[in-house]
Amino acid sequence: MYDGGVFGGFTRWAVVFLIIFVLFILLVPYAATTCCTTTTY
């Protein structure tokens, strides 16, 4: 649509950021639960 013009790079980085953000939201609660429930002090 924009042929890599003004919004070409921006939309690409926006998609990358969105994917990372979704993975972050999905993995952080799982990692926190696994860490806090299995760690022995």
C-alpha atoms as a PDB file:
ATOM      1  CA  MET A   1       0.000   0.000   0.000  1.00  0.00           C
ATOM      2  CA  TYR A   2       2.735   2.452   1.016  1.00  0.00           C
ATOM      3  CA  ASP A   3       5.468   0.646  -0.970  1.00  0.00           C
ATOM      4  CA  GLY A   4       7.872   1.013   1.955  1.00  0.00           C
ATOM      5  CA  GLY A   5       7.474   4.766   2.093  1.00  0.00           C
ATOM      6  CA  VAL A   6       7.013   6.877   5.209  1.00  0.00           C
ATOM      7  CA  PHE A   7       5.121   4.201   7.115  1.00  0.00           C
ATOM      8  CA  GLY A   8       6.967   1.201   5.657  1.00  0.00           C
ATOM      9  CA  GLY A   9       9.614   0.845   8.340  1.00  0.00           C
ATOM     10  CA  PHE A  10       7.308   2.068  11.088  1.00  0.00           C
ATOM     11  CA  THR A  11       4.660  -0.567  10.434  1.00  0.00           C
ATOM     12  CA  ARG A  12       7.324  -3.283  10.271  1.00  0.00           C
ATOM     13  CA  TRP A  13       8.746  -2.316  13.651  1.00  0.00           C
ATOM     14  CA  ALA A  14       5.232  -1.900  15.026  1.00  0.00           C
ATOM     15  CA  VAL A  15       4.411  -5.503  14.085  1.00  0.00           C
ATOM     16  CA  VAL A  16       7.671  -6.739  15.623  1.00  0.00           C
ATOM     17  CA  PHE A  17       6.984  -4.780  18.802  1.00  0.00           C
ATOM     18  CA  LEU A  18       3.431  -6.109  18.925  1.00  0.00           C
ATOM     19  CA  ILE A  19       4.616  -9.717  18.641  1.00  0.00           C
ATOM     20  CA  ILE A  20       7.222  -9.201  21.375  1.00  0.00           C
ATOM     21  CA  PHE A  21       4.642  -7.486  23.573  1.00  0.00           C
ATOM     22  CA  VAL A  22       2.160 -10.359  23.199  1.00  0.00           C
ATOM     23  CA  LEU A  23       4.843 -12.947  23.952  1.00  0.00           C
ATOM     24  CA  PHE A  24       5.910 -10.893  26.977  1.00  0.00           C
ATOM     25  CA  ILE A  25       2.347 -10.753  28.329  1.00  0.00           C
ATOM     26  CA  LEU A  26       1.877 -14.487  27.802  1.00  0.00           C
ATOM     27  CA  LEU A  27       5.225 -15.671  29.193  1.00  0.00           C
ATOM     28  CA  VAL A  28       5.724 -13.431  32.227  1.00  0.00           C
ATOM     29  CA  PRO A  29       2.804 -14.784  34.330  1.00  0.00           C
ATOM     30  CA  TYR A  30       3.811 -18.369  33.441  1.00  0.00           C
ATOM     31  CA  ALA A  31       7.464 -17.773  34.322  1.00  0.00           C
ATOM     32  CA  ALA A  32       6.551 -15.971  37.543  1.00  0.00           C
ATOM     33  CA  THR A  33       4.174 -18.751  38.610  1.00  0.00           C
ATOM     34  CA  THR A  34       6.708 -21.486  37.820  1.00  0.00           C
ATOM     35  CA  CYS A  35       9.515 -19.648  39.622  1.00  0.00           C
ATOM     36  CA  CYS A  36       7.557 -18.711  42.723  1.00  0.00           C
ATOM     37  CA  THR A  37       5.924 -22.101  43.170  1.00  0.00           C
ATOM     38  CA  THR A  38       9.007 -24.262  42.608  1.00  0.00           C
ATOM     39  CA  THR A  39      11.754 -22.163  44.258  1.00  0.00           C
ATOM     40  CA  THR A  40      12.855 -23.390  47.658  1.00  0.00           C
ATOM     41  CA  TYR A  41      14.689 -20.950  49.899  1.00  0.00           C
END
